[in-house]
N, C-alpha and C. Protein backbone atom coordinates (compact mmCIF):
# COMPACT_ATOMS: atom_id res chain seq x y z
N UNK A 1 16.47 19.14 4.46
CA UNK A 1 15.84 17.85 4.69
C UNK A 1 15.11 17.87 6.03
N UNK A 2 14.13 17.04 6.15
CA UNK A 2 13.34 16.94 7.37
C UNK A 2 14.11 16.10 8.39
N UNK A 3 14.23 16.61 9.61
CA UNK A 3 14.91 15.88 10.67
C UNK A 3 13.91 15.59 11.79
N UNK A 4 13.53 14.33 11.98
CA UNK A 4 12.56 13.98 13.03
C UNK A 4 13.13 14.23 14.43
N UNK A 5 12.24 14.47 15.37
CA UNK A 5 12.63 14.70 16.77
C UNK A 5 12.25 13.48 17.61
N UNK A 6 12.90 13.34 18.74
CA UNK A 6 12.63 12.29 19.73
C UNK A 6 12.59 10.90 19.10
N UNK A 7 11.48 10.18 19.29
CA UNK A 7 11.39 8.79 18.80
C UNK A 7 10.62 8.69 17.49
N UNK A 8 10.68 9.72 16.67
CA UNK A 8 9.95 9.72 15.41
C UNK A 8 10.86 9.32 14.24
N UNK A 9 10.24 8.78 13.20
CA UNK A 9 10.96 8.38 11.99
C UNK A 9 10.27 8.98 10.76
N UNK A 10 11.06 9.26 9.74
CA UNK A 10 10.55 9.77 8.47
C UNK A 10 10.59 8.62 7.47
N UNK A 11 9.43 8.27 6.92
CA UNK A 11 9.31 7.11 6.03
C UNK A 11 8.82 7.57 4.67
N UNK A 12 9.45 7.06 3.61
CA UNK A 12 8.96 7.28 2.26
C UNK A 12 8.14 6.06 1.88
N UNK A 13 6.81 6.20 1.73
CA UNK A 13 5.96 5.05 1.42
C UNK A 13 6.26 4.47 0.04
N UNK A 14 6.09 3.16 -0.06
CA UNK A 14 6.24 2.46 -1.33
C UNK A 14 5.06 2.86 -2.21
N UNK A 15 5.29 2.93 -3.51
CA UNK A 15 4.22 3.27 -4.45
C UNK A 15 3.13 2.20 -4.41
N UNK A 16 1.88 2.62 -4.55
CA UNK A 16 0.76 1.69 -4.58
C UNK A 16 0.82 0.86 -5.87
N UNK A 17 0.40 -0.38 -5.77
CA UNK A 17 0.40 -1.26 -6.93
C UNK A 17 -0.53 -0.71 -8.01
N UNK A 18 -0.07 -0.73 -9.26
CA UNK A 18 -0.90 -0.24 -10.36
C UNK A 18 -1.44 -1.38 -11.21
N UNK A 19 -0.90 -2.59 -10.98
CA UNK A 19 -1.30 -3.74 -11.78
C UNK A 19 -1.40 -4.97 -10.88
N UNK A 20 -2.38 -5.82 -11.14
CA UNK A 20 -2.51 -7.06 -10.38
C UNK A 20 -1.53 -8.10 -10.90
N UNK A 21 -1.41 -9.21 -10.18
CA UNK A 21 -0.51 -10.29 -10.58
C UNK A 21 -0.90 -10.88 -11.94
N UNK A 22 -2.18 -10.83 -12.26
CA UNK A 22 -2.64 -11.38 -13.54
C UNK A 22 -2.55 -10.37 -14.68
N UNK A 23 -2.12 -9.13 -14.39
CA UNK A 23 -1.92 -8.14 -15.44
C UNK A 23 -3.01 -7.10 -15.60
N UNK A 24 -4.02 -7.12 -14.74
CA UNK A 24 -5.09 -6.12 -14.82
C UNK A 24 -4.64 -4.82 -14.16
N UNK A 25 -4.97 -3.69 -14.77
CA UNK A 25 -4.62 -2.40 -14.19
C UNK A 25 -5.65 -1.99 -13.14
N UNK A 26 -5.16 -1.44 -12.04
CA UNK A 26 -6.02 -1.02 -10.94
C UNK A 26 -6.28 0.48 -11.07
N UNK A 27 -7.55 0.91 -11.09
CA UNK A 27 -7.83 2.35 -11.18
C UNK A 27 -7.46 3.05 -9.88
N UNK A 28 -7.20 4.36 -9.97
CA UNK A 28 -6.79 5.15 -8.81
C UNK A 28 -7.78 5.06 -7.66
N UNK A 29 -9.05 4.95 -7.96
CA UNK A 29 -10.08 4.91 -6.92
C UNK A 29 -10.07 3.61 -6.13
N UNK A 30 -9.49 2.55 -6.70
CA UNK A 30 -9.50 1.25 -6.04
C UNK A 30 -8.16 0.89 -5.39
N UNK A 31 -7.16 1.75 -5.54
CA UNK A 31 -5.84 1.45 -4.98
C UNK A 31 -5.89 1.51 -3.46
N UNK A 32 -5.18 0.59 -2.83
CA UNK A 32 -5.08 0.59 -1.37
C UNK A 32 -3.87 1.41 -0.93
N UNK A 33 -3.98 1.97 0.24
CA UNK A 33 -2.89 2.75 0.80
C UNK A 33 -1.72 1.80 1.12
N UNK A 34 -0.51 2.13 0.69
CA UNK A 34 0.62 1.23 0.96
C UNK A 34 0.93 1.15 2.45
N UNK A 35 1.42 -0.02 2.89
CA UNK A 35 1.77 -0.22 4.29
C UNK A 35 3.24 -0.60 4.43
N UNK A 36 4.02 -0.26 3.42
CA UNK A 36 5.44 -0.57 3.42
C UNK A 36 6.19 0.66 2.93
N UNK A 37 7.39 0.88 3.47
CA UNK A 37 8.18 2.02 3.04
C UNK A 37 9.62 1.90 3.50
N UNK A 38 10.39 2.93 3.15
CA UNK A 38 11.81 2.98 3.49
C UNK A 38 12.04 4.12 4.47
N UNK A 39 12.78 3.85 5.54
CA UNK A 39 13.11 4.88 6.53
C UNK A 39 14.14 5.81 5.91
N UNK A 40 13.84 7.10 5.90
CA UNK A 40 14.73 8.11 5.34
C UNK A 40 15.58 8.75 6.44
N UNK A 41 14.97 9.05 7.57
CA UNK A 41 15.69 9.68 8.69
C UNK A 41 15.06 9.25 10.00
N UNK A 42 15.85 9.25 11.06
CA UNK A 42 15.36 8.90 12.40
C UNK A 42 15.76 9.98 13.39
N UNK A 43 14.96 10.12 14.44
CA UNK A 43 15.29 11.04 15.51
C UNK A 43 16.31 10.42 16.46
N UNK A 44 16.75 11.18 17.46
CA UNK A 44 17.76 10.69 18.40
C UNK A 44 17.25 9.67 19.41
N UNK A 45 15.93 9.52 19.54
CA UNK A 45 15.37 8.61 20.53
C UNK A 45 15.09 9.32 21.84
N UNK A 46 14.60 8.56 22.81
CA UNK A 46 14.33 9.08 24.15
C UNK A 46 15.30 8.44 25.13
N UNK A 47 15.36 8.99 26.33
CA UNK A 47 16.24 8.43 27.36
C UNK A 47 15.94 6.96 27.64
N UNK A 48 14.66 6.67 27.82
CA UNK A 48 14.24 5.32 28.18
C UNK A 48 13.89 4.44 26.98
N UNK A 49 14.00 4.98 25.76
CA UNK A 49 13.65 4.23 24.56
C UNK A 49 14.63 4.56 23.43
N UNK A 50 15.72 3.79 23.31
CA UNK A 50 16.68 4.06 22.23
C UNK A 50 16.10 3.71 20.86
N UNK A 51 16.62 4.33 19.82
CA UNK A 51 16.15 4.06 18.46
C UNK A 51 16.67 2.71 17.98
N UNK A 52 15.76 1.89 17.49
CA UNK A 52 16.12 0.59 16.95
C UNK A 52 16.19 0.64 15.43
N UNK A 53 15.56 1.64 14.83
CA UNK A 53 15.54 1.78 13.38
C UNK A 53 16.68 2.68 12.92
N UNK A 54 17.07 2.51 11.65
CA UNK A 54 18.09 3.37 11.07
C UNK A 54 17.69 3.70 9.64
N UNK A 55 18.27 4.73 9.07
CA UNK A 55 17.97 5.12 7.70
C UNK A 55 18.29 3.96 6.76
N UNK A 56 17.40 3.72 5.81
CA UNK A 56 17.59 2.65 4.85
C UNK A 56 16.80 1.38 5.17
N UNK A 57 16.29 1.26 6.40
CA UNK A 57 15.49 0.09 6.77
C UNK A 57 14.18 0.07 5.98
N UNK A 58 13.77 -1.10 5.52
CA UNK A 58 12.46 -1.27 4.89
C UNK A 58 11.51 -1.75 5.98
N UNK A 59 10.41 -1.02 6.18
CA UNK A 59 9.52 -1.29 7.31
C UNK A 59 8.08 -1.50 6.87
N UNK A 60 7.33 -2.19 7.74
CA UNK A 60 5.88 -2.33 7.61
C UNK A 60 5.25 -1.52 8.72
N UNK A 61 4.16 -0.82 8.42
CA UNK A 61 3.48 -0.01 9.42
C UNK A 61 1.98 -0.14 9.24
N UNK A 62 1.24 0.31 10.23
CA UNK A 62 -0.21 0.22 10.20
C UNK A 62 -0.82 1.06 9.09
N UNK A 63 -2.01 0.68 8.66
CA UNK A 63 -2.68 1.35 7.55
C UNK A 63 -2.90 2.84 7.80
N UNK A 64 -3.21 3.21 9.02
CA UNK A 64 -3.51 4.61 9.32
C UNK A 64 -2.43 5.25 10.19
N UNK A 65 -1.24 4.69 10.21
CA UNK A 65 -0.14 5.20 11.05
C UNK A 65 0.48 6.44 10.41
N UNK A 66 0.95 7.33 11.26
CA UNK A 66 1.74 8.47 10.79
C UNK A 66 0.94 9.64 10.29
N UNK A 67 1.68 10.71 10.03
CA UNK A 67 1.13 11.95 9.50
C UNK A 67 1.77 12.21 8.15
N UNK A 68 0.94 12.45 7.13
CA UNK A 68 1.47 12.70 5.79
C UNK A 68 2.06 14.10 5.71
N UNK A 69 3.25 14.17 5.08
CA UNK A 69 3.96 15.43 4.91
C UNK A 69 4.47 15.48 3.48
N UNK A 70 4.35 16.65 2.83
CA UNK A 70 4.93 16.83 1.49
C UNK A 70 6.14 17.73 1.61
N UNK A 71 7.23 17.34 0.95
CA UNK A 71 8.45 18.13 0.97
C UNK A 71 9.14 17.97 -0.39
N UNK A 72 9.35 19.06 -1.08
CA UNK A 72 9.97 19.06 -2.40
C UNK A 72 9.27 18.09 -3.35
N UNK A 73 7.96 18.18 -3.42
CA UNK A 73 7.12 17.37 -4.32
C UNK A 73 7.18 15.87 -4.06
N UNK A 74 7.59 15.46 -2.88
CA UNK A 74 7.56 14.04 -2.49
C UNK A 74 6.70 13.92 -1.25
N UNK A 75 6.02 12.77 -1.11
CA UNK A 75 5.19 12.53 0.06
C UNK A 75 5.93 11.62 1.03
N UNK A 76 5.88 11.98 2.30
CA UNK A 76 6.51 11.22 3.37
C UNK A 76 5.50 11.00 4.48
N UNK A 77 5.84 10.10 5.39
CA UNK A 77 5.08 9.89 6.61
C UNK A 77 6.02 10.11 7.79
N UNK A 78 5.56 10.84 8.79
CA UNK A 78 6.29 10.95 10.05
C UNK A 78 5.48 10.18 11.07
N UNK A 79 6.14 9.22 11.73
CA UNK A 79 5.46 8.39 12.71
C UNK A 79 6.39 8.06 13.86
N UNK A 80 5.79 7.65 14.97
CA UNK A 80 6.59 7.19 16.10
C UNK A 80 7.19 5.83 15.78
N UNK A 81 8.32 5.56 16.40
CA UNK A 81 8.96 4.27 16.21
C UNK A 81 8.02 3.13 16.60
N UNK A 82 7.17 3.36 17.59
CA UNK A 82 6.24 2.31 18.04
C UNK A 82 5.13 2.02 17.04
N UNK A 83 4.91 2.91 16.04
CA UNK A 83 3.93 2.67 14.99
C UNK A 83 4.44 1.69 13.94
N UNK A 84 5.75 1.47 13.91
CA UNK A 84 6.32 0.53 12.96
C UNK A 84 6.11 -0.88 13.49
N UNK A 85 5.54 -1.74 12.65
CA UNK A 85 5.20 -3.10 13.06
C UNK A 85 6.36 -4.08 12.89
N UNK A 86 7.14 -3.92 11.82
CA UNK A 86 8.22 -4.87 11.55
C UNK A 86 9.20 -4.28 10.53
N UNK A 87 10.39 -4.87 10.48
CA UNK A 87 11.37 -4.53 9.44
C UNK A 87 11.49 -5.72 8.50
N UNK A 88 11.83 -5.45 7.27
CA UNK A 88 12.00 -6.53 6.28
C UNK A 88 13.45 -6.71 5.94
C-alpha cells in the first residue's frame, strides 16, 4: 500500500456522476473532475503542523489539487493536507 510522507494524504476520488438528477446520461467527454473523495492514508505530519485528517474522512478538495497516482488498477490522488478544503 502507498504510505504518504510528511503532511501528505492519499485520497480515493469519488466516481464522476454518470447521470443527471433528471435521468439524462452524461457522456465521458462532458464529465467534470470529482472534487470529493475518501482519505485512505495519511502521513505522520510535520513538527509545526500536526495531521488533522485521518483515514476514512470524506473530504472536499480543489479541482486541480494533488497528483494522480495509479496503484493496483485504482486511481488515487496524493496531496498536501493544506490542499484539502473541508471534511464532510
